[in-house]
């Protein structure tokens, strides 16, 4: 996987930088103290007889869902930044 380098100061760069910091700082909260960040997905997949990907994706293809999540999050971040400037 390519390393993500956020060197700019655009609202999108700032939002992505903040998201990465939160993911790092709140990792324990997300995993309930388990070092495996996917533990919750593993448990639900095992309990439901599905895969972790099926638990997460529902009926939409994974790549499509990832792109949607990233794009809508970035667009909403731009809305927030625009509102702050007004």
N, C-alpha and C. Protein backbone atom coordinates (compact mmCIF):
# COMPACT_ATOMS: atom_id res chain seq x y z
N UNK A 1 0.84 -1.17 0.00
CA UNK A 1 0.00 0.00 0.00
C UNK A 1 0.89 1.24 0.00
N UNK A 2 0.52 2.26 -0.76
CA UNK A 2 1.27 3.50 -0.84
C UNK A 2 1.07 4.31 0.43
N UNK A 3 2.16 4.90 0.91
CA UNK A 3 2.07 5.74 2.11
C UNK A 3 1.36 7.03 1.77
N UNK A 4 0.45 7.45 2.65
CA UNK A 4 -0.30 8.68 2.45
C UNK A 4 0.49 9.84 3.03
N UNK A 5 0.79 10.83 2.19
CA UNK A 5 1.51 12.01 2.65
C UNK A 5 0.63 13.22 2.42
N UNK A 6 0.25 13.84 3.50
CA UNK A 6 -0.60 15.03 3.43
C UNK A 6 0.27 16.23 3.72
N UNK A 7 0.69 16.92 2.67
CA UNK A 7 1.60 18.04 2.85
C UNK A 7 0.92 19.37 2.64
N UNK A 8 -0.28 19.36 2.10
CA UNK A 8 -0.98 20.59 1.83
C UNK A 8 -1.77 21.09 3.02
N UNK A 9 -2.37 22.24 2.86
CA UNK A 9 -3.19 22.80 3.93
C UNK A 9 -4.62 23.05 3.45
N UNK A 10 -5.02 22.35 2.41
CA UNK A 10 -6.39 22.50 1.92
C UNK A 10 -7.35 21.90 2.93
N UNK A 11 -8.62 22.28 2.90
CA UNK A 11 -9.58 21.68 3.82
C UNK A 11 -9.62 20.16 3.72
N UNK A 12 -9.45 19.60 2.52
CA UNK A 12 -9.47 18.14 2.37
C UNK A 12 -8.24 17.51 3.04
N UNK A 13 -7.07 18.12 2.83
CA UNK A 13 -5.86 17.60 3.48
C UNK A 13 -6.01 17.66 5.00
N UNK A 14 -6.53 18.77 5.50
CA UNK A 14 -6.70 18.92 6.94
C UNK A 14 -7.68 17.89 7.50
N UNK A 15 -8.76 17.64 6.78
CA UNK A 15 -9.76 16.67 7.23
C UNK A 15 -9.17 15.26 7.26
N UNK A 16 -8.45 14.90 6.21
CA UNK A 16 -7.82 13.58 6.17
C UNK A 16 -6.77 13.43 7.28
N UNK A 17 -6.00 14.47 7.52
CA UNK A 17 -4.99 14.44 8.58
C UNK A 17 -5.66 14.23 9.93
N UNK A 18 -6.74 14.95 10.17
CA UNK A 18 -7.47 14.81 11.44
C UNK A 18 -8.07 13.42 11.58
N UNK A 19 -8.61 12.88 10.49
CA UNK A 19 -9.20 11.53 10.53
C UNK A 19 -8.14 10.49 10.90
N UNK A 20 -6.95 10.62 10.35
CA UNK A 20 -5.88 9.68 10.66
C UNK A 20 -5.46 9.80 12.13
N UNK A 21 -5.42 11.02 12.65
CA UNK A 21 -5.07 11.22 14.06
C UNK A 21 -6.12 10.60 14.98
N UNK A 22 -7.38 10.79 14.64
CA UNK A 22 -8.46 10.22 15.45
C UNK A 22 -8.40 8.70 15.42
N UNK A 23 -8.18 8.14 14.25
CA UNK A 23 -8.08 6.70 14.12
C UNK A 23 -6.96 6.16 15.01
N UNK A 24 -5.85 6.87 15.03
CA UNK A 24 -4.72 6.45 15.87
C UNK A 24 -5.04 6.60 17.36
N UNK A 25 -5.57 7.74 17.75
CA UNK A 25 -5.84 8.01 19.16
C UNK A 25 -7.00 7.20 19.72
N UNK A 26 -8.01 6.99 18.91
CA UNK A 26 -9.22 6.31 19.39
C UNK A 26 -9.23 4.83 19.05
N UNK A 27 -8.12 4.32 18.58
CA UNK A 27 -8.05 2.91 18.20
C UNK A 27 -8.54 1.98 19.29
N UNK A 28 -8.18 2.28 20.53
CA UNK A 28 -8.61 1.43 21.65
C UNK A 28 -10.12 1.47 21.82
N UNK A 29 -10.71 2.65 21.63
CA UNK A 29 -12.16 2.76 21.75
C UNK A 29 -12.86 1.95 20.67
N UNK A 30 -12.33 2.04 19.46
CA UNK A 30 -12.94 1.35 18.33
C UNK A 30 -12.83 -0.17 18.45
N UNK A 31 -11.77 -0.61 19.12
CA UNK A 31 -11.52 -2.05 19.21
C UNK A 31 -11.82 -2.61 20.59
N UNK A 32 -12.34 -1.79 21.46
CA UNK A 32 -12.67 -2.21 22.83
C UNK A 32 -11.46 -2.83 23.52
N UNK A 33 -10.30 -2.19 23.34
CA UNK A 33 -9.09 -2.64 23.98
C UNK A 33 -8.35 -3.75 23.28
N UNK A 34 -8.93 -4.33 22.23
CA UNK A 34 -8.29 -5.41 21.49
C UNK A 34 -7.29 -4.79 20.50
N UNK A 35 -6.10 -5.33 20.42
CA UNK A 35 -5.11 -4.78 19.48
C UNK A 35 -5.50 -5.03 18.02
N UNK A 36 -6.38 -5.97 17.79
CA UNK A 36 -6.87 -6.28 16.45
C UNK A 36 -7.99 -5.31 16.09
N UNK A 37 -7.71 -4.38 15.20
CA UNK A 37 -8.71 -3.38 14.81
C UNK A 37 -9.91 -3.98 14.09
N UNK A 38 -9.78 -5.20 13.66
CA UNK A 38 -10.88 -5.87 12.95
C UNK A 38 -11.62 -6.87 13.84
N UNK A 39 -11.34 -6.87 15.12
CA UNK A 39 -11.92 -7.87 16.03
C UNK A 39 -13.44 -7.87 15.99
N UNK A 40 -14.06 -6.70 16.00
CA UNK A 40 -15.52 -6.64 15.98
C UNK A 40 -16.08 -7.25 14.70
N UNK A 41 -15.44 -6.95 13.57
CA UNK A 41 -15.88 -7.52 12.30
C UNK A 41 -15.72 -9.04 12.30
N UNK A 42 -14.59 -9.51 12.85
CA UNK A 42 -14.35 -10.96 12.91
C UNK A 42 -15.44 -11.66 13.74
N UNK A 43 -15.77 -11.06 14.89
CA UNK A 43 -16.77 -11.67 15.78
C UNK A 43 -18.14 -11.73 15.13
N UNK A 44 -18.56 -10.65 14.49
CA UNK A 44 -19.87 -10.63 13.84
C UNK A 44 -19.89 -11.60 12.66
N UNK A 45 -18.81 -11.64 11.88
CA UNK A 45 -18.75 -12.56 10.75
C UNK A 45 -18.86 -14.00 11.23
N UNK A 46 -18.15 -14.32 12.29
CA UNK A 46 -18.21 -15.69 12.83
C UNK A 46 -19.62 -16.01 13.32
N UNK A 47 -20.23 -15.07 14.03
CA UNK A 47 -21.56 -15.29 14.59
C UNK A 47 -22.64 -15.42 13.51
N UNK A 48 -22.43 -14.75 12.38
CA UNK A 48 -23.45 -14.76 11.32
C UNK A 48 -23.10 -15.69 10.17
N UNK A 49 -21.95 -16.34 10.24
CA UNK A 49 -21.54 -17.25 9.17
C UNK A 49 -21.22 -16.54 7.87
N UNK A 50 -20.70 -15.32 7.98
CA UNK A 50 -20.33 -14.55 6.79
C UNK A 50 -18.86 -14.16 6.89
N UNK A 51 -18.40 -13.36 5.96
CA UNK A 51 -17.04 -12.84 6.01
C UNK A 51 -17.06 -11.43 6.60
N UNK A 52 -15.88 -10.96 7.01
CA UNK A 52 -15.79 -9.59 7.53
C UNK A 52 -16.25 -8.57 6.48
N UNK A 53 -15.85 -8.83 5.23
CA UNK A 53 -16.23 -7.91 4.16
C UNK A 53 -17.74 -7.86 3.98
N UNK A 54 -18.39 -9.00 4.10
CA UNK A 54 -19.85 -9.03 3.97
C UNK A 54 -20.51 -8.28 5.12
N UNK A 55 -19.94 -8.40 6.30
CA UNK A 55 -20.48 -7.66 7.45
C UNK A 55 -20.42 -6.17 7.16
N UNK A 56 -19.30 -5.72 6.65
CA UNK A 56 -19.10 -4.28 6.43
C UNK A 56 -19.85 -3.76 5.21
N UNK A 57 -19.84 -4.53 4.12
CA UNK A 57 -20.35 -3.96 2.88
C UNK A 57 -21.85 -4.04 2.68
N UNK A 58 -22.52 -4.96 3.33
CA UNK A 58 -23.93 -5.11 3.04
C UNK A 58 -24.10 -5.60 1.62
N UNK A 59 -24.85 -4.88 0.79
CA UNK A 59 -25.11 -5.35 -0.57
C UNK A 59 -24.34 -4.57 -1.62
N UNK A 60 -23.59 -3.56 -1.24
CA UNK A 60 -22.88 -2.71 -2.20
C UNK A 60 -21.43 -3.19 -2.34
N UNK A 61 -20.86 -3.13 -3.55
CA UNK A 61 -19.46 -3.52 -3.72
C UNK A 61 -18.54 -2.68 -2.82
N UNK A 62 -17.52 -3.30 -2.30
CA UNK A 62 -16.64 -2.64 -1.34
C UNK A 62 -16.02 -1.37 -1.91
N UNK A 63 -15.41 -1.45 -3.07
CA UNK A 63 -14.74 -0.27 -3.62
C UNK A 63 -15.71 0.89 -3.83
N UNK A 64 -16.90 0.58 -4.27
CA UNK A 64 -17.92 1.61 -4.47
C UNK A 64 -18.27 2.27 -3.14
N UNK A 65 -18.41 1.48 -2.12
CA UNK A 65 -18.76 2.02 -0.80
C UNK A 65 -17.62 2.86 -0.24
N UNK A 66 -16.39 2.40 -0.40
CA UNK A 66 -15.24 3.17 0.07
C UNK A 66 -15.17 4.53 -0.61
N UNK A 67 -15.32 4.53 -1.91
CA UNK A 67 -15.27 5.78 -2.66
C UNK A 67 -16.39 6.71 -2.21
N UNK A 68 -17.59 6.19 -2.04
CA UNK A 68 -18.71 7.01 -1.58
C UNK A 68 -18.43 7.61 -0.20
N UNK A 69 -17.96 6.80 0.72
CA UNK A 69 -17.69 7.28 2.08
C UNK A 69 -16.65 8.39 2.06
N UNK A 70 -15.56 8.17 1.33
CA UNK A 70 -14.50 9.18 1.25
C UNK A 70 -15.03 10.47 0.63
N UNK A 71 -15.71 10.35 -0.50
CA UNK A 71 -16.18 11.54 -1.20
C UNK A 71 -17.23 12.32 -0.41
N UNK A 72 -18.21 11.63 0.16
CA UNK A 72 -19.23 12.35 0.93
C UNK A 72 -18.65 12.98 2.18
N UNK A 73 -17.69 12.32 2.80
CA UNK A 73 -17.05 12.89 3.98
C UNK A 73 -16.27 14.14 3.61
N UNK A 74 -15.52 14.09 2.52
CA UNK A 74 -14.77 15.26 2.09
C UNK A 74 -15.68 16.41 1.69
N UNK A 75 -16.75 16.09 0.98
CA UNK A 75 -17.70 17.14 0.59
C UNK A 75 -18.35 17.78 1.81
N UNK A 76 -18.72 16.98 2.77
CA UNK A 76 -19.32 17.54 3.99
C UNK A 76 -18.30 18.41 4.72
N UNK A 77 -17.04 17.98 4.73
CA UNK A 77 -15.99 18.79 5.35
C UNK A 77 -15.87 20.14 4.67
N UNK A 78 -15.99 20.16 3.36
CA UNK A 78 -15.95 21.44 2.65
C UNK A 78 -17.15 22.32 3.01
N UNK A 79 -18.32 21.70 3.19
CA UNK A 79 -19.50 22.46 3.61
C UNK A 79 -19.26 23.12 4.97
N UNK A 80 -18.68 22.36 5.89
CA UNK A 80 -18.39 22.88 7.23
C UNK A 80 -17.41 24.04 7.15
N UNK A 81 -16.34 23.88 6.35
CA UNK A 81 -15.35 24.94 6.20
C UNK A 81 -15.98 26.19 5.59
N UNK A 82 -16.85 26.00 4.60
CA UNK A 82 -17.51 27.15 3.97
C UNK A 82 -18.38 27.89 4.97
N UNK A 83 -19.09 27.16 5.78
CA UNK A 83 -19.96 27.77 6.78
C UNK A 83 -19.13 28.56 7.82
N UNK A 84 -17.96 28.05 8.18
CA UNK A 84 -17.09 28.75 9.13
C UNK A 84 -16.64 30.09 8.59
N UNK A 85 -16.43 30.16 7.27
CA UNK A 85 -15.94 31.40 6.65
C UNK A 85 -17.03 32.47 6.53
N UNK A 86 -18.28 32.08 6.65
CA UNK A 86 -19.39 33.05 6.49
C UNK A 86 -19.68 33.77 7.77
